[in-house]
N, C-alpha and C. Protein backbone atom coordinates (compact mmCIF):
# COMPACT_ATOMS: atom_id res chain seq x y z
N MET A 1 0.84 -1.17 0.00
CA MET A 1 0.00 0.00 0.00
C MET A 1 0.89 1.24 0.00
N PRO A 2 0.60 2.25 -0.89
CA PRO A 2 1.45 3.44 -0.94
C PRO A 2 1.39 4.23 0.35
N VAL A 3 2.49 4.88 0.63
CA VAL A 3 2.57 5.75 1.79
C VAL A 3 2.00 7.11 1.42
N MET A 4 1.08 7.60 2.23
CA MET A 4 0.52 8.93 2.01
C MET A 4 1.12 9.87 3.04
N THR A 5 1.53 11.03 2.57
CA THR A 5 2.13 12.00 3.49
C THR A 5 1.38 13.31 3.42
N GLN A 6 1.25 13.96 4.55
CA GLN A 6 0.69 15.29 4.59
C GLN A 6 1.75 16.25 4.05
N THR A 7 1.34 17.22 3.27
CA THR A 7 2.31 18.16 2.72
C THR A 7 1.92 19.57 3.12
N GLU A 8 2.91 20.40 3.21
CA GLU A 8 2.66 21.81 3.48
C GLU A 8 3.42 22.63 2.46
N GLY A 9 2.70 23.49 1.79
CA GLY A 9 3.35 24.44 0.91
C GLY A 9 3.50 24.03 -0.54
N MET A 10 3.47 22.74 -0.86
CA MET A 10 3.66 22.37 -2.26
C MET A 10 2.46 22.82 -3.09
N ILE A 11 2.78 23.36 -4.27
CA ILE A 11 1.76 23.87 -5.19
C ILE A 11 1.91 23.16 -6.52
N VAL A 12 0.78 22.76 -7.10
CA VAL A 12 0.78 22.18 -8.43
C VAL A 12 0.24 23.22 -9.40
N ARG A 13 1.02 23.51 -10.41
CA ARG A 13 0.64 24.45 -11.48
C ARG A 13 0.17 23.60 -12.66
N THR A 14 -1.05 23.85 -13.15
CA THR A 14 -1.66 23.03 -14.19
C THR A 14 -1.99 23.88 -15.40
N TRP A 15 -1.74 23.29 -16.56
CA TRP A 15 -1.93 23.98 -17.83
C TRP A 15 -2.28 22.94 -18.88
N SER A 16 -3.19 23.26 -19.81
CA SER A 16 -3.60 22.31 -20.85
C SER A 16 -3.50 22.93 -22.23
N ALA A 17 -3.37 22.03 -23.21
CA ALA A 17 -3.30 22.45 -24.62
C ALA A 17 -3.87 21.32 -25.47
N THR A 18 -4.16 21.62 -26.72
CA THR A 18 -4.53 20.58 -27.67
C THR A 18 -3.57 20.65 -28.85
N ALA A 19 -3.41 19.48 -29.47
CA ALA A 19 -2.52 19.37 -30.62
C ALA A 19 -3.02 18.23 -31.49
N ASP A 20 -2.57 18.21 -32.75
CA ASP A 20 -2.80 17.01 -33.54
C ASP A 20 -1.79 15.97 -33.06
N ALA A 21 -1.89 14.74 -33.57
CA ALA A 21 -1.03 13.66 -33.08
C ALA A 21 0.45 13.98 -33.24
N ALA A 22 0.82 14.53 -34.38
CA ALA A 22 2.23 14.86 -34.62
C ALA A 22 2.69 15.97 -33.68
N GLY A 23 1.85 16.98 -33.49
CA GLY A 23 2.18 18.07 -32.59
C GLY A 23 2.32 17.60 -31.15
N ALA A 24 1.45 16.67 -30.74
CA ALA A 24 1.52 16.13 -29.38
C ALA A 24 2.83 15.37 -29.18
N ALA A 25 3.22 14.59 -30.17
CA ALA A 25 4.49 13.86 -30.07
C ALA A 25 5.67 14.83 -30.02
N SER A 26 5.62 15.86 -30.85
CA SER A 26 6.69 16.86 -30.84
C SER A 26 6.75 17.60 -29.50
N TYR A 27 5.57 17.97 -28.97
CA TYR A 27 5.56 18.69 -27.71
C TYR A 27 6.08 17.79 -26.58
N SER A 28 5.75 16.51 -26.60
CA SER A 28 6.25 15.59 -25.57
C SER A 28 7.77 15.56 -25.57
N ARG A 29 8.36 15.52 -26.77
CA ARG A 29 9.83 15.54 -26.87
C ARG A 29 10.39 16.88 -26.38
N TYR A 30 9.72 17.98 -26.74
CA TYR A 30 10.13 19.31 -26.29
C TYR A 30 10.06 19.40 -24.76
N PHE A 31 8.97 18.93 -24.18
CA PHE A 31 8.77 18.97 -22.73
C PHE A 31 9.90 18.23 -22.02
N ASP A 32 10.21 17.02 -22.52
CA ASP A 32 11.24 16.19 -21.90
C ASP A 32 12.65 16.70 -22.16
N GLY A 33 12.93 17.12 -23.38
CA GLY A 33 14.29 17.45 -23.77
C GLY A 33 14.70 18.90 -23.60
N THR A 34 13.74 19.81 -23.60
CA THR A 34 14.05 21.24 -23.53
C THR A 34 13.50 21.89 -22.26
N LEU A 35 12.21 21.72 -22.02
CA LEU A 35 11.58 22.40 -20.90
C LEU A 35 12.05 21.85 -19.55
N LEU A 36 12.00 20.54 -19.38
CA LEU A 36 12.37 19.97 -18.08
C LEU A 36 13.79 20.30 -17.63
N PRO A 37 14.79 20.23 -18.51
CA PRO A 37 16.13 20.60 -18.04
C PRO A 37 16.19 22.03 -17.50
N GLY A 38 15.48 22.95 -18.13
CA GLY A 38 15.44 24.33 -17.64
C GLY A 38 14.72 24.44 -16.30
N LEU A 39 13.60 23.72 -16.17
CA LEU A 39 12.85 23.76 -14.91
C LEU A 39 13.67 23.16 -13.77
N ARG A 40 14.37 22.07 -14.05
CA ARG A 40 15.16 21.41 -13.01
C ARG A 40 16.25 22.31 -12.44
N ALA A 41 16.66 23.30 -13.20
CA ALA A 41 17.69 24.23 -12.73
C ALA A 41 17.13 25.31 -11.81
N LEU A 42 15.79 25.40 -11.70
CA LEU A 42 15.17 26.44 -10.89
C LEU A 42 14.98 25.98 -9.45
N PRO A 43 15.42 26.80 -8.48
CA PRO A 43 15.16 26.46 -7.07
C PRO A 43 13.65 26.38 -6.84
N GLY A 44 13.23 25.36 -6.12
CA GLY A 44 11.82 25.22 -5.77
C GLY A 44 11.01 24.39 -6.75
N PHE A 45 11.61 23.99 -7.87
CA PHE A 45 10.92 23.09 -8.80
C PHE A 45 11.04 21.68 -8.26
N ASN A 46 9.88 20.99 -8.11
CA ASN A 46 9.87 19.67 -7.48
C ASN A 46 9.37 18.56 -8.38
N GLY A 47 9.36 18.76 -9.69
CA GLY A 47 8.96 17.69 -10.60
C GLY A 47 7.78 18.07 -11.47
N ALA A 48 7.42 17.15 -12.37
CA ALA A 48 6.35 17.44 -13.32
C ALA A 48 5.78 16.15 -13.89
N TYR A 49 4.55 16.26 -14.37
CA TYR A 49 3.90 15.24 -15.18
C TYR A 49 3.41 15.91 -16.46
N LEU A 50 3.50 15.21 -17.56
CA LEU A 50 2.81 15.61 -18.78
C LEU A 50 1.85 14.48 -19.11
N LEU A 51 0.57 14.79 -19.10
CA LEU A 51 -0.47 13.79 -19.34
C LEU A 51 -1.05 13.98 -20.74
N ARG A 52 -1.50 12.85 -21.32
CA ARG A 52 -2.04 12.86 -22.68
C ARG A 52 -3.40 12.17 -22.68
N ARG A 53 -4.36 12.77 -23.42
CA ARG A 53 -5.68 12.16 -23.58
C ARG A 53 -6.10 12.32 -25.03
N ASP A 54 -6.30 11.19 -25.73
CA ASP A 54 -6.78 11.24 -27.10
C ASP A 54 -8.25 11.63 -27.08
N LEU A 55 -8.60 12.64 -27.86
CA LEU A 55 -9.96 13.16 -27.85
C LEU A 55 -10.88 12.46 -28.85
N GLY A 56 -10.33 11.57 -29.67
CA GLY A 56 -11.16 10.77 -30.57
C GLY A 56 -11.46 11.41 -31.90
N ASP A 57 -11.01 12.62 -32.10
CA ASP A 57 -11.27 13.32 -33.36
C ASP A 57 -9.96 13.66 -34.08
N GLY A 58 -8.90 12.93 -33.72
CA GLY A 58 -7.59 13.20 -34.30
C GLY A 58 -6.77 14.21 -33.52
N THR A 59 -7.36 14.75 -32.44
CA THR A 59 -6.61 15.69 -31.61
C THR A 59 -6.32 15.06 -30.26
N VAL A 60 -5.37 15.67 -29.58
CA VAL A 60 -4.88 15.18 -28.30
C VAL A 60 -4.88 16.33 -27.31
N GLU A 61 -5.36 16.06 -26.11
CA GLU A 61 -5.25 17.03 -25.03
C GLU A 61 -3.98 16.70 -24.25
N LEU A 62 -3.16 17.69 -24.01
CA LEU A 62 -1.97 17.57 -23.18
C LEU A 62 -2.20 18.42 -21.93
N THR A 63 -1.91 17.85 -20.78
CA THR A 63 -2.02 18.60 -19.54
C THR A 63 -0.71 18.47 -18.78
N ALA A 64 -0.13 19.59 -18.45
CA ALA A 64 1.12 19.62 -17.68
C ALA A 64 0.81 19.97 -16.24
N HIS A 65 1.39 19.20 -15.35
CA HIS A 65 1.33 19.47 -13.91
C HIS A 65 2.76 19.64 -13.44
N THR A 66 3.09 20.83 -12.97
CA THR A 66 4.42 21.06 -12.42
C THR A 66 4.28 21.30 -10.92
N PHE A 67 5.24 20.79 -10.16
CA PHE A 67 5.21 20.83 -8.70
C PHE A 67 6.24 21.85 -8.21
N TRP A 68 5.78 22.72 -7.32
CA TRP A 68 6.61 23.83 -6.85
C TRP A 68 6.58 23.93 -5.33
N ALA A 69 7.68 24.37 -4.76
CA ALA A 69 7.79 24.51 -3.30
C ALA A 69 7.01 25.70 -2.77
N SER A 70 6.80 26.72 -3.62
CA SER A 70 6.15 27.95 -3.14
C SER A 70 5.70 28.81 -4.31
N ALA A 71 4.86 29.79 -4.01
CA ALA A 71 4.47 30.76 -5.02
C ALA A 71 5.68 31.57 -5.49
N ALA A 72 6.62 31.81 -4.59
CA ALA A 72 7.83 32.55 -4.98
C ALA A 72 8.63 31.77 -6.02
N ALA A 73 8.68 30.45 -5.88
CA ALA A 73 9.39 29.63 -6.86
C ALA A 73 8.68 29.69 -8.22
N ILE A 74 7.36 29.68 -8.20
CA ILE A 74 6.60 29.80 -9.46
C ILE A 74 6.87 31.17 -10.08
N ARG A 75 6.89 32.20 -9.26
CA ARG A 75 7.12 33.57 -9.75
C ARG A 75 8.49 33.68 -10.43
N ALA A 76 9.49 32.96 -9.94
CA ALA A 76 10.81 32.98 -10.57
C ALA A 76 10.76 32.39 -11.97
N PHE A 77 9.84 31.48 -12.20
CA PHE A 77 9.66 30.87 -13.52
C PHE A 77 8.71 31.68 -14.39
N ALA A 78 7.56 32.07 -13.84
CA ALA A 78 6.47 32.63 -14.65
C ALA A 78 6.42 34.15 -14.67
N GLY A 79 7.08 34.81 -13.75
CA GLY A 79 6.98 36.26 -13.66
C GLY A 79 6.00 36.67 -12.58
N ASP A 80 5.79 37.97 -12.45
CA ASP A 80 4.97 38.51 -11.37
C ASP A 80 3.54 37.99 -11.37
N ASP A 81 2.93 37.85 -12.56
CA ASP A 81 1.57 37.32 -12.64
C ASP A 81 1.66 35.82 -12.90
N ILE A 82 1.61 35.04 -11.84
CA ILE A 82 1.82 33.60 -11.99
C ILE A 82 0.66 32.89 -12.68
N THR A 83 -0.44 33.60 -12.93
CA THR A 83 -1.56 32.97 -13.62
C THR A 83 -1.35 32.92 -15.13
N VAL A 84 -0.41 33.69 -15.65
CA VAL A 84 -0.17 33.72 -17.10
C VAL A 84 0.64 32.48 -17.50
N SER A 85 0.15 31.77 -18.51
CA SER A 85 0.87 30.60 -19.03
C SER A 85 2.18 31.02 -19.66
N VAL A 86 3.18 30.17 -19.51
CA VAL A 86 4.48 30.38 -20.14
C VAL A 86 4.60 29.34 -21.26
N VAL A 87 4.43 29.80 -22.50
CA VAL A 87 4.48 28.91 -23.66
C VAL A 87 5.38 29.57 -24.69
N GLU A 88 6.56 29.05 -24.84
CA GLU A 88 7.55 29.62 -25.75
C GLU A 88 7.10 29.46 -27.20
N PRO A 89 7.55 30.36 -28.09
CA PRO A 89 7.16 30.29 -29.51
C PRO A 89 7.41 28.91 -30.14
N GLU A 90 8.51 28.27 -29.77
CA GLU A 90 8.81 26.94 -30.30
C GLU A 90 7.70 25.95 -29.92
N ALA A 91 7.22 26.03 -28.69
CA ALA A 91 6.14 25.15 -28.23
C ALA A 91 4.81 25.52 -28.87
N ARG A 92 4.54 26.81 -28.99
CA ARG A 92 3.28 27.27 -29.60
C ARG A 92 3.11 26.70 -31.00
N ALA A 93 4.21 26.58 -31.72
CA ALA A 93 4.15 26.09 -33.11
C ALA A 93 3.69 24.64 -33.18
N MET A 94 3.81 23.89 -32.08
CA MET A 94 3.43 22.47 -32.06
C MET A 94 1.97 22.27 -31.66
N LEU A 95 1.34 23.31 -31.13
CA LEU A 95 0.02 23.19 -30.52
C LEU A 95 -1.06 23.84 -31.39
N LEU A 96 -2.27 23.30 -31.30
CA LEU A 96 -3.41 23.92 -31.98
C LEU A 96 -3.94 25.09 -31.15
N ASN A 97 -4.01 24.90 -29.84
CA ASN A 97 -4.38 25.98 -28.91
C ASN A 97 -3.90 25.58 -27.52
N PHE A 98 -3.94 26.55 -26.61
CA PHE A 98 -3.48 26.30 -25.25
C PHE A 98 -4.13 27.28 -24.31
N ASP A 99 -4.22 26.87 -23.05
CA ASP A 99 -4.74 27.75 -22.00
C ASP A 99 -3.83 28.96 -21.86
N ARG A 100 -4.43 30.12 -21.81
CA ARG A 100 -3.67 31.35 -21.61
C ARG A 100 -3.38 31.58 -20.13
N ALA A 101 -4.09 30.85 -19.26
CA ALA A 101 -3.89 30.97 -17.82
C ALA A 101 -3.57 29.59 -17.24
N ALA A 102 -2.74 29.58 -16.23
CA ALA A 102 -2.42 28.37 -15.49
C ALA A 102 -3.20 28.39 -14.18
N ALA A 103 -3.62 27.21 -13.74
CA ALA A 103 -4.31 27.08 -12.46
C ALA A 103 -3.32 26.57 -11.42
N HIS A 104 -3.54 26.96 -10.19
CA HIS A 104 -2.66 26.56 -9.08
C HIS A 104 -3.48 25.94 -7.97
N ARG A 105 -3.00 24.80 -7.47
CA ARG A 105 -3.69 24.11 -6.40
C ARG A 105 -2.66 23.70 -5.33
N SER A 106 -3.06 23.78 -4.08
CA SER A 106 -2.20 23.34 -2.98
C SER A 106 -2.35 21.84 -2.80
N VAL A 107 -1.24 21.16 -2.59
CA VAL A 107 -1.24 19.72 -2.36
C VAL A 107 -1.62 19.49 -0.89
N VAL A 108 -2.61 18.65 -0.67
CA VAL A 108 -3.05 18.32 0.68
C VAL A 108 -2.45 16.99 1.13
N VAL A 109 -2.51 15.98 0.24
CA VAL A 109 -1.94 14.67 0.50
C VAL A 109 -1.16 14.24 -0.72
N ASP A 110 0.04 13.73 -0.50
CA ASP A 110 0.90 13.25 -1.59
C ASP A 110 1.06 11.75 -1.44
N ALA A 111 0.54 10.99 -2.40
CA ALA A 111 0.61 9.53 -2.34
C ALA A 111 1.49 8.96 -3.45
N ARG A 112 2.41 9.78 -3.99
CA ARG A 112 3.25 9.33 -5.10
C ARG A 112 4.32 8.34 -4.68
N GLY A 113 4.78 8.36 -3.47
CA GLY A 113 5.92 7.54 -3.15
C GLY A 113 5.80 6.67 -2.02
């Protein structure tokens, strides 16, 4: 049975986009090979998930969940308005559309490990 731990302060930043199949594959490679190395260098970055859901019409929903130690750590990545999505031009070219705002949620229980 997984161990569940109470957490204090961890924040999950969530953002979604849609892409065609080729764009989703390209974005997955970009996320792993370009975005994650940059995020890992930031103090307070605690990991990420990139989730994929086929929508059945030839498009794919991608949802990124990034884990942060604090709002200040997110601000170092996203700027003063942490609700604004950070989507570089290279990534935008792979996507059909994307959320212009990111959502933030506090972690109450962490059962990942």
